[in-house]
PDB file of all heavy atoms in Angstrom:
ATOM      1  N   VAL A   1       0.839  -1.204   0.000  1.00  0.00           N
ATOM      2  CA  VAL A   1       0.000   0.000   0.000  1.00  0.00           C
ATOM      3  C   VAL A   1       0.871   1.250   0.000  1.00  0.00           C
ATOM      4  O   VAL A   1       0.610   2.211  -0.748  1.00  0.00           O
ATOM      5  CB  VAL A   1      -0.944  -0.010   1.213  1.00  0.00           C
ATOM      6  CG1 VAL A   1      -1.683   1.328   1.326  1.00  0.00           C
ATOM      7  CG2 VAL A   1      -1.947  -1.154   1.097  1.00  0.00           C
ATOM      8  N   GLN A   2       1.924   1.263   0.809  1.00  0.00           N
ATOM      9  CA  GLN A   2       2.812   2.427   0.843  1.00  0.00           C
ATOM     10  C   GLN A   2       3.510   2.639  -0.495  1.00  0.00           C
ATOM     11  O   GLN A   2       3.663   3.767  -0.969  1.00  0.00           O
ATOM     12  CB  GLN A   2       3.854   2.252   1.961  1.00  0.00           C
ATOM     13  CG  GLN A   2       3.282   2.286   3.372  1.00  0.00           C
ATOM     14  CD  GLN A   2       2.540   3.577   3.660  1.00  0.00           C
ATOM     15  OE1 GLN A   2       2.991   4.673   3.310  1.00  0.00           O
ATOM     16  NE2 GLN A   2       1.389   3.445   4.303  1.00  0.00           N
ATOM     17  N   ALA A   3       3.931   1.536  -1.125  1.00  0.00           N
ATOM     18  CA  ALA A   3       4.576   1.637  -2.441  1.00  0.00           C
ATOM     19  C   ALA A   3       3.593   2.168  -3.477  1.00  0.00           C
ATOM     20  O   ALA A   3       3.955   2.970  -4.350  1.00  0.00           O
ATOM     21  CB  ALA A   3       5.115   0.274  -2.871  1.00  0.00           C
ATOM     22  N   ALA A   4       2.321   1.749  -3.388  1.00  0.00           N
ATOM     23  CA  ALA A   4       1.306   2.234  -4.317  1.00  0.00           C
ATOM     24  C   ALA A   4       1.063   3.728  -4.130  1.00  0.00           C
ATOM     25  O   ALA A   4       0.882   4.468  -5.108  1.00  0.00           O
ATOM     26  CB  ALA A   4       0.006   1.459  -4.122  1.00  0.00           C
ATOM     27  N   LYS A   5       1.052   4.193  -2.889  1.00  0.00           N
ATOM     28  CA  LYS A   5       0.885   5.627  -2.624  1.00  0.00           C
ATOM     29  C   LYS A   5       2.013   6.430  -3.268  1.00  0.00           C
ATOM     30  O   LYS A   5       1.781   7.463  -3.908  1.00  0.00           O
ATOM     31  CB  LYS A   5       0.856   5.886  -1.120  1.00  0.00           C
ATOM     32  CG  LYS A   5      -0.418   5.429  -0.429  1.00  0.00           C
ATOM     33  CD  LYS A   5      -0.349   5.714   1.065  1.00  0.00           C
ATOM     34  CE  LYS A   5      -1.635   5.271   1.763  1.00  0.00           C
ATOM     35  NZ  LYS A   5      -1.575   5.521   3.231  1.00  0.00           N
ATOM     36  N   ARG A   6       3.250   5.952  -3.135  1.00  0.00           N
ATOM     37  CA  ARG A   6       4.388   6.648  -3.749  1.00  0.00           C
ATOM     38  C   ARG A   6       4.269   6.644  -5.270  1.00  0.00           C
ATOM     39  O   ARG A   6       4.565   7.637  -5.936  1.00  0.00           O
ATOM     40  CB  ARG A   6       5.702   5.994  -3.310  1.00  0.00           C
ATOM     41  CG  ARG A   6       6.029   6.178  -1.839  1.00  0.00           C
ATOM     42  CD  ARG A   6       7.472   5.766  -1.537  1.00  0.00           C
ATOM     43  NE  ARG A   6       7.682   4.349  -1.754  1.00  0.00           N
ATOM     44  CZ  ARG A   6       7.515   3.420  -0.821  1.00  0.00           C
ATOM     45  NH1 ARG A   6       7.114   3.760   0.392  1.00  0.00           N
ATOM     46  NH2 ARG A   6       7.744   2.141  -1.088  1.00  0.00           N
ATOM     47  N   ARG A   7       3.831   5.504  -5.819  1.00  0.00           N
ATOM     48  CA  ARG A   7       3.695   5.389  -7.271  1.00  0.00           C
ATOM     49  C   ARG A   7       2.606   6.331  -7.799  1.00  0.00           C
ATOM     50  O   ARG A   7       2.776   6.967  -8.841  1.00  0.00           O
ATOM     51  CB  ARG A   7       3.382   3.940  -7.634  1.00  0.00           C
ATOM     52  CG  ARG A   7       3.410   3.649  -9.113  1.00  0.00           C
ATOM     53  CD  ARG A   7       3.565   2.155  -9.378  1.00  0.00           C
ATOM     54  NE  ARG A   7       2.541   1.358  -8.710  1.00  0.00           N
ATOM     55  CZ  ARG A   7       2.773   0.563  -7.669  1.00  0.00           C
ATOM     56  NH1 ARG A   7       3.991   0.436  -7.170  1.00  0.00           N
ATOM     57  NH2 ARG A   7       1.792  -0.144  -7.120  1.00  0.00           N
ATOM     58  N   PHE A   8       1.496   6.457  -7.071  1.00  0.00           N
ATOM     59  CA  PHE A   8       0.410   7.341  -7.493  1.00  0.00           C
ATOM     60  C   PHE A   8       0.841   8.809  -7.426  1.00  0.00           C
ATOM     61  O   PHE A   8       0.518   9.599  -8.314  1.00  0.00           O
ATOM     62  CB  PHE A   8      -0.825   7.105  -6.618  1.00  0.00           C
ATOM     63  CG  PHE A   8      -1.726   6.008  -7.133  1.00  0.00           C
ATOM     64  CD1 PHE A   8      -1.191   4.794  -7.556  1.00  0.00           C
ATOM     65  CD2 PHE A   8      -3.090   6.175  -7.188  1.00  0.00           C
ATOM     66  CE1 PHE A   8      -1.993   3.773  -8.021  1.00  0.00           C
ATOM     67  CE2 PHE A   8      -3.917   5.165  -7.658  1.00  0.00           C
ATOM     68  CZ  PHE A   8      -3.370   3.968  -8.078  1.00  0.00           C
ATOM     69  N   LEU A   9       1.564   9.175  -6.360  1.00  0.00           N
ATOM     70  CA  LEU A   9       2.062  10.551  -6.257  1.00  0.00           C
ATOM     71  C   LEU A   9       3.033  10.873  -7.383  1.00  0.00           C
ATOM     72  O   LEU A   9       2.986  11.959  -7.984  1.00  0.00           O
ATOM     73  CB  LEU A   9       2.738  10.758  -4.896  1.00  0.00           C
ATOM     74  CG  LEU A   9       1.814  10.947  -3.693  1.00  0.00           C
ATOM     75  CD1 LEU A   9       2.624  10.945  -2.402  1.00  0.00           C
ATOM     76  CD2 LEU A   9       1.037  12.273  -3.822  1.00  0.00           C
ATOM     77  N   ARG A  10       3.928   9.933  -7.680  1.00  0.00           N
ATOM     78  CA  ARG A  10       4.907  10.140  -8.759  1.00  0.00           C
ATOM     79  C   ARG A  10       4.196  10.265 -10.107  1.00  0.00           C
ATOM     80  O   ARG A  10       4.536  11.137 -10.920  1.00  0.00           O
ATOM     81  CB  ARG A  10       5.889   8.970  -8.784  1.00  0.00           C
ATOM     82  CG  ARG A  10       7.008   9.131  -9.812  1.00  0.00           C
ATOM     83  CD  ARG A  10       8.100   8.100  -9.600  1.00  0.00           C
ATOM     84  NE  ARG A  10       7.610   6.735  -9.766  1.00  0.00           N
ATOM     85  CZ  ARG A  10       7.460   5.875  -8.771  1.00  0.00           C
ATOM     86  NH1 ARG A  10       7.761   6.228  -7.524  1.00  0.00           N
ATOM     87  NH2 ARG A  10       7.015   4.651  -8.996  1.00  0.00           N
ATOM     88  N   THR A  11       3.190   9.427 -10.334  1.00  0.00           N
ATOM     89  CA  THR A  11       2.445   9.488 -11.587  1.00  0.00           C
ATOM     90  C   THR A  11       1.697  10.815 -11.705  1.00  0.00           C
ATOM     91  O   THR A  11       1.625  11.406 -12.796  1.00  0.00           O
ATOM     92  CB  THR A  11       1.449   8.312 -11.671  1.00  0.00           C
ATOM     93  OG1 THR A  11       2.168   7.083 -11.574  1.00  0.00           O
ATOM     94  CG2 THR A  11       0.679   8.337 -12.981  1.00  0.00           C
ATOM     95  N   SER A  12       1.138  11.295 -10.601  1.00  0.00           N
ATOM     96  CA  SER A  12       0.437  12.579 -10.603  1.00  0.00           C
ATOM     97  C   SER A  12       1.378  13.716 -10.988  1.00  0.00           C
ATOM     98  O   SER A  12       1.020  14.604 -11.772  1.00  0.00           O
ATOM     99  CB  SER A  12      -0.185  12.844  -9.225  1.00  0.00           C
ATOM    100  OG  SER A  12      -1.156  11.885  -8.909  1.00  0.00           O
ATOM    101  N   ARG A  13       2.598  13.686 -10.433  1.00  0.00           N
ATOM    102  CA  ARG A  13       3.573  14.740 -10.762  1.00  0.00           C
ATOM    103  C   ARG A  13       3.970  14.677 -12.235  1.00  0.00           C
ATOM    104  O   ARG A  13       4.092  15.714 -12.903  1.00  0.00           O
ATOM    105  CB  ARG A  13       4.809  14.590  -9.870  1.00  0.00           C
ATOM    106  CG  ARG A  13       4.547  14.822  -8.391  1.00  0.00           C
ATOM    107  CD  ARG A  13       5.857  14.935  -7.615  1.00  0.00           C
ATOM    108  NE  ARG A  13       5.630  14.890  -6.187  1.00  0.00           N
ATOM    109  CZ  ARG A  13       5.846  13.840  -5.416  1.00  0.00           C
ATOM    110  NH1 ARG A  13       6.327  12.714  -5.958  1.00  0.00           N
ATOM    111  NH2 ARG A  13       5.613  13.896  -4.119  1.00  0.00           N
ATOM    112  N   LEU A  14       4.196  13.476 -12.743  1.00  0.00           N
ATOM    113  CA  LEU A  14       4.565  13.334 -14.156  1.00  0.00           C
ATOM    114  C   LEU A  14       3.435  13.796 -15.070  1.00  0.00           C
ATOM    115  O   LEU A  14       3.674  14.445 -16.093  1.00  0.00           O
ATOM    116  CB  LEU A  14       4.910  11.866 -14.454  1.00  0.00           C
ATOM    117  CG  LEU A  14       6.193  11.328 -13.816  1.00  0.00           C
ATOM    118  CD1 LEU A  14       6.304   9.824 -14.034  1.00  0.00           C
ATOM    119  CD2 LEU A  14       7.417  12.036 -14.407  1.00  0.00           C
ATOM    120  N   TYR A  15       2.190  13.494 -14.686  1.00  0.00           N
ATOM    121  CA  TYR A  15       1.047  13.921 -15.490  1.00  0.00           C
ATOM    122  C   TYR A  15       0.937  15.445 -15.488  1.00  0.00           C
ATOM    123  O   TYR A  15       0.701  16.070 -16.530  1.00  0.00           O
ATOM    124  CB  TYR A  15      -0.238  13.298 -14.943  1.00  0.00           C
ATOM    125  CG  TYR A  15      -1.468  13.628 -15.752  1.00  0.00           C
ATOM    126  CD1 TYR A  15      -1.810  12.869 -16.874  1.00  0.00           C
ATOM    127  CD2 TYR A  15      -2.289  14.702 -15.405  1.00  0.00           C
ATOM    128  CE1 TYR A  15      -2.929  13.164 -17.623  1.00  0.00           C
ATOM    129  CE2 TYR A  15      -3.415  15.009 -16.143  1.00  0.00           C
ATOM    130  CZ  TYR A  15      -3.726  14.241 -17.255  1.00  0.00           C
ATOM    131  OH  TYR A  15      -4.843  14.549 -17.999  1.00  0.00           O
ATOM    132  N   ALA A  16       1.133  16.048 -14.301  1.00  0.00           N
ATOM    133  CA  ALA A  16       1.058  17.507 -14.189  1.00  0.00           C
ATOM    134  C   ALA A  16       2.131  18.188 -15.021  1.00  0.00           C
ATOM    135  O   ALA A  16       1.924  19.268 -15.579  1.00  0.00           O
ATOM    136  CB  ALA A  16       1.181  17.922 -12.725  1.00  0.00           C
ATOM    137  N   ALA A  17       3.289  17.547 -15.135  1.00  0.00           N
ATOM    138  CA  ALA A  17       4.397  18.117 -15.906  1.00  0.00           C
ATOM    139  C   ALA A  17       4.298  17.787 -17.391  1.00  0.00           C
ATOM    140  O   ALA A  17       5.147  18.215 -18.180  1.00  0.00           O
ATOM    141  CB  ALA A  17       5.719  17.620 -15.348  1.00  0.00           C
ATOM    142  N   GLY A  18       3.300  17.030 -17.787  1.00  0.00           N
ATOM    143  CA  GLY A  18       3.153  16.635 -19.187  1.00  0.00           C
ATOM    144  C   GLY A  18       4.060  15.497 -19.604  1.00  0.00           C
ATOM    145  O   GLY A  18       4.169  15.188 -20.789  1.00  0.00           O
ATOM    146  N   ALA A  19       4.707  14.852 -18.622  1.00  0.00           N
ATOM    147  CA  ALA A  19       5.629  13.757 -18.932  1.00  0.00           C
ATOM    148  C   ALA A  19       4.942  12.393 -18.918  1.00  0.00           C
ATOM    149  O   ALA A  19       5.569  11.381 -19.202  1.00  0.00           O
ATOM    150  CB  ALA A  19       6.786  13.761 -17.930  1.00  0.00           C
ATOM    151  N   ALA A  20       3.671  12.362 -18.567  1.00  0.00           N
ATOM    152  CA  ALA A  20       2.884  11.124 -18.589  1.00  0.00           C
ATOM    153  C   ALA A  20       1.504  11.442 -19.130  1.00  0.00           C
ATOM    154  O   ALA A  20       0.969  12.532 -18.887  1.00  0.00           O
ATOM    155  CB  ALA A  20       2.779  10.518 -17.194  1.00  0.00           C
ATOM    156  N   GLY A  21       0.931  10.515 -19.874  1.00  0.00           N
ATOM    157  CA  GLY A  21      -0.385  10.706 -20.455  1.00  0.00           C
ATOM    158  C   GLY A  21      -1.448   9.922 -19.706  1.00  0.00           C
ATOM    159  O   GLY A  21      -1.169   9.225 -18.720  1.00  0.00           O
ATOM    160  N   PHE A  22      -2.671  10.026 -20.191  1.00  0.00           N
ATOM    161  CA  PHE A  22      -3.784   9.347 -19.536  1.00  0.00           C
ATOM    162  C   PHE A  22      -3.593   7.832 -19.532  1.00  0.00           C
ATOM    163  O   PHE A  22      -3.956   7.162 -18.566  1.00  0.00           O
ATOM    164  CB  PHE A  22      -5.101   9.704 -20.236  1.00  0.00           C
ATOM    165  CG  PHE A  22      -6.297   9.049 -19.610  1.00  0.00           C
ATOM    166  CD1 PHE A  22      -6.810   9.506 -18.408  1.00  0.00           C
ATOM    167  CD2 PHE A  22      -6.896   7.951 -20.210  1.00  0.00           C
ATOM    168  CE1 PHE A  22      -7.902   8.886 -17.815  1.00  0.00           C
ATOM    169  CE2 PHE A  22      -7.988   7.320 -19.626  1.00  0.00           C
ATOM    170  CZ  PHE A  22      -8.492   7.802 -18.426  1.00  0.00           C
ATOM    171  N   GLU A  23      -3.017   7.274 -20.614  1.00  0.00           N
ATOM    172  CA  GLU A  23      -2.813   5.823 -20.672  1.00  0.00           C
ATOM    173  C   GLU A  23      -1.839   5.362 -19.593  1.00  0.00           C
ATOM    174  O   GLU A  23      -1.993   4.264 -19.031  1.00  0.00           O
ATOM    175  CB  GLU A  23      -2.307   5.407 -22.053  1.00  0.00           C
ATOM    176  CG  GLU A  23      -3.374   5.408 -23.132  1.00  0.00           C
ATOM    177  CD  GLU A  23      -4.533   4.470 -22.783  1.00  0.00           C
ATOM    178  OE1 GLU A  23      -4.259   3.305 -22.408  1.00  0.00           O
ATOM    179  OE2 GLU A  23      -5.691   4.898 -22.858  1.00  0.00           O
ATOM    180  N   ASP A  24      -0.828   6.189 -19.285  1.00  0.00           N
ATOM    181  CA  ASP A  24       0.112   5.857 -18.210  1.00  0.00           C
ATOM    182  C   ASP A  24      -0.608   5.825 -16.864  1.00  0.00           C
ATOM    183  O   ASP A  24      -0.384   4.933 -16.037  1.00  0.00           O
ATOM    184  CB  ASP A  24       1.254   6.875 -18.161  1.00  0.00           C
ATOM    185  CG  ASP A  24       2.043   6.911 -19.453  1.00  0.00           C
ATOM    186  OD1 ASP A  24       2.514   5.850 -19.883  1.00  0.00           O
ATOM    187  OD2 ASP A  24       2.173   7.998 -20.039  1.00  0.00           O
ATOM    188  N   VAL A  25      -1.480   6.827 -16.659  1.00  0.00           N
ATOM    189  CA  VAL A  25      -2.259   6.888 -15.415  1.00  0.00           C
ATOM    190  C   VAL A  25      -3.189   5.684 -15.322  1.00  0.00           C
ATOM    191  O   VAL A  25      -3.296   5.030 -14.285  1.00  0.00           O
ATOM    192  CB  VAL A  25      -3.073   8.202 -15.358  1.00  0.00           C
ATOM    193  CG1 VAL A  25      -3.974   8.204 -14.114  1.00  0.00           C
ATOM    194  CG2 VAL A  25      -2.149   9.412 -15.340  1.00  0.00           C
ATOM    195  N   ARG A  26      -3.863   5.380 -16.426  1.00  0.00           N
ATOM    196  CA  ARG A  26      -4.814   4.270 -16.441  1.00  0.00           C
ATOM    197  C   ARG A  26      -4.120   2.948 -16.100  1.00  0.00           C
ATOM    198  O   ARG A  26      -4.660   2.122 -15.366  1.00  0.00           O
ATOM    199  CB  ARG A  26      -5.479   4.173 -17.810  1.00  0.00           C
ATOM    200  CG  ARG A  26      -6.637   3.179 -17.867  1.00  0.00           C
ATOM    201  CD  ARG A  26      -7.181   3.049 -19.279  1.00  0.00           C
ATOM    202  NE  ARG A  26      -6.201   2.403 -20.150  1.00  0.00           N
ATOM    203  CZ  ARG A  26      -6.030   1.083 -20.211  1.00  0.00           C
ATOM    204  NH1 ARG A  26      -6.750   0.268 -19.464  1.00  0.00           N
ATOM    205  NH2 ARG A  26      -5.126   0.579 -21.023  1.00  0.00           N
ATOM    206  N   ALA A  27      -2.909   2.752 -16.623  1.00  0.00           N
ATOM    207  CA  ALA A  27      -2.169   1.510 -16.364  1.00  0.00           C
ATOM    208  C   ALA A  27      -1.829   1.373 -14.888  1.00  0.00           C
ATOM    209  O   ALA A  27      -1.936   0.270 -14.317  1.00  0.00           O
ATOM    210  CB  ALA A  27      -0.897   1.478 -17.205  1.00  0.00           C
ATOM    211  N   VAL A  28      -1.431   2.476 -14.243  1.00  0.00           N
ATOM    212  CA  VAL A  28      -1.084   2.444 -12.821  1.00  0.00           C
ATOM    213  C   VAL A  28      -2.317   2.123 -11.978  1.00  0.00           C
ATOM    214  O   VAL A  28      -2.276   1.294 -11.064  1.00  0.00           O
ATOM    215  CB  VAL A  28      -0.464   3.791 -12.392  1.00  0.00           C
ATOM    216  CG1 VAL A  28      -0.330   3.858 -10.873  1.00  0.00           C
ATOM    217  CG2 VAL A  28       0.902   3.975 -13.043  1.00  0.00           C
ATOM    218  N   VAL A  29      -3.431   2.779 -12.307  1.00  0.00           N
ATOM    219  CA  VAL A  29      -4.670   2.554 -11.555  1.00  0.00           C
ATOM    220  C   VAL A  29      -5.168   1.124 -11.754  1.00  0.00           C
ATOM    221  O   VAL A  29      -5.562   0.445 -10.802  1.00  0.00           O
ATOM    222  CB  VAL A  29      -5.750   3.567 -11.978  1.00  0.00           C
ATOM    223  CG1 VAL A  29      -7.091   3.229 -11.316  1.00  0.00           C
ATOM    224  CG2 VAL A  29      -5.332   4.984 -11.604  1.00  0.00           C
ATOM    225  N   ALA A  30      -5.154   0.645 -13.009  1.00  0.00           N
ATOM    226  CA  ALA A  30      -5.646  -0.703 -13.305  1.00  0.00           C
ATOM    227  C   ALA A  30      -4.823  -1.763 -12.577  1.00  0.00           C
ATOM    228  O   ALA A  30      -5.369  -2.756 -12.070  1.00  0.00           O
ATOM    229  CB  ALA A  30      -5.620  -0.948 -14.809  1.00  0.00           C
ATOM    230  N   SER A  31      -3.510  -1.565 -12.521  1.00  0.00           N
ATOM    231  CA  SER A  31      -2.642  -2.522 -11.834  1.00  0.00           C
ATOM    232  C   SER A  31      -2.987  -2.585 -10.350  1.00  0.00           C
ATOM    233  O   SER A  31      -3.097  -3.683  -9.776  1.00  0.00           O
ATOM    234  CB  SER A  31      -1.181  -2.120 -12.025  1.00  0.00           C
ATOM    235  OG  SER A  31      -0.324  -2.954 -11.276  1.00  0.00           O
ATOM    236  N   PHE A  32      -3.177  -1.430  -9.732  1.00  0.00           N
ATOM    237  CA  PHE A  32      -3.486  -1.403  -8.296  1.00  0.00           C
ATOM    238  C   PHE A  32      -4.855  -2.007  -8.016  1.00  0.00           C
ATOM    239  O   PHE A  32      -5.024  -2.801  -7.084  1.00  0.00           O
ATOM    240  CB  PHE A  32      -3.423   0.027  -7.768  1.00  0.00           C
ATOM    241  CG  PHE A  32      -3.788   0.145  -6.322  1.00  0.00           C
ATOM    242  CD1 PHE A  32      -2.966  -0.376  -5.332  1.00  0.00           C
ATOM    243  CD2 PHE A  32      -4.974   0.763  -5.943  1.00  0.00           C
ATOM    244  CE1 PHE A  32      -3.306  -0.280  -3.993  1.00  0.00           C
ATOM    245  CE2 PHE A  32      -5.323   0.862  -4.602  1.00  0.00           C
ATOM    246  CZ  PHE A  32      -4.492   0.343  -3.627  1.00  0.00           C
TER     247      PHE A  32
END
């Protein structure tokens, strides 16, 4: 759970910076 929290925060930052797209976010959420 702690690792997932870190992964979600990192993905959020990458998305905000334009370095990750919706498909990247979807993959992280689907895996969890």
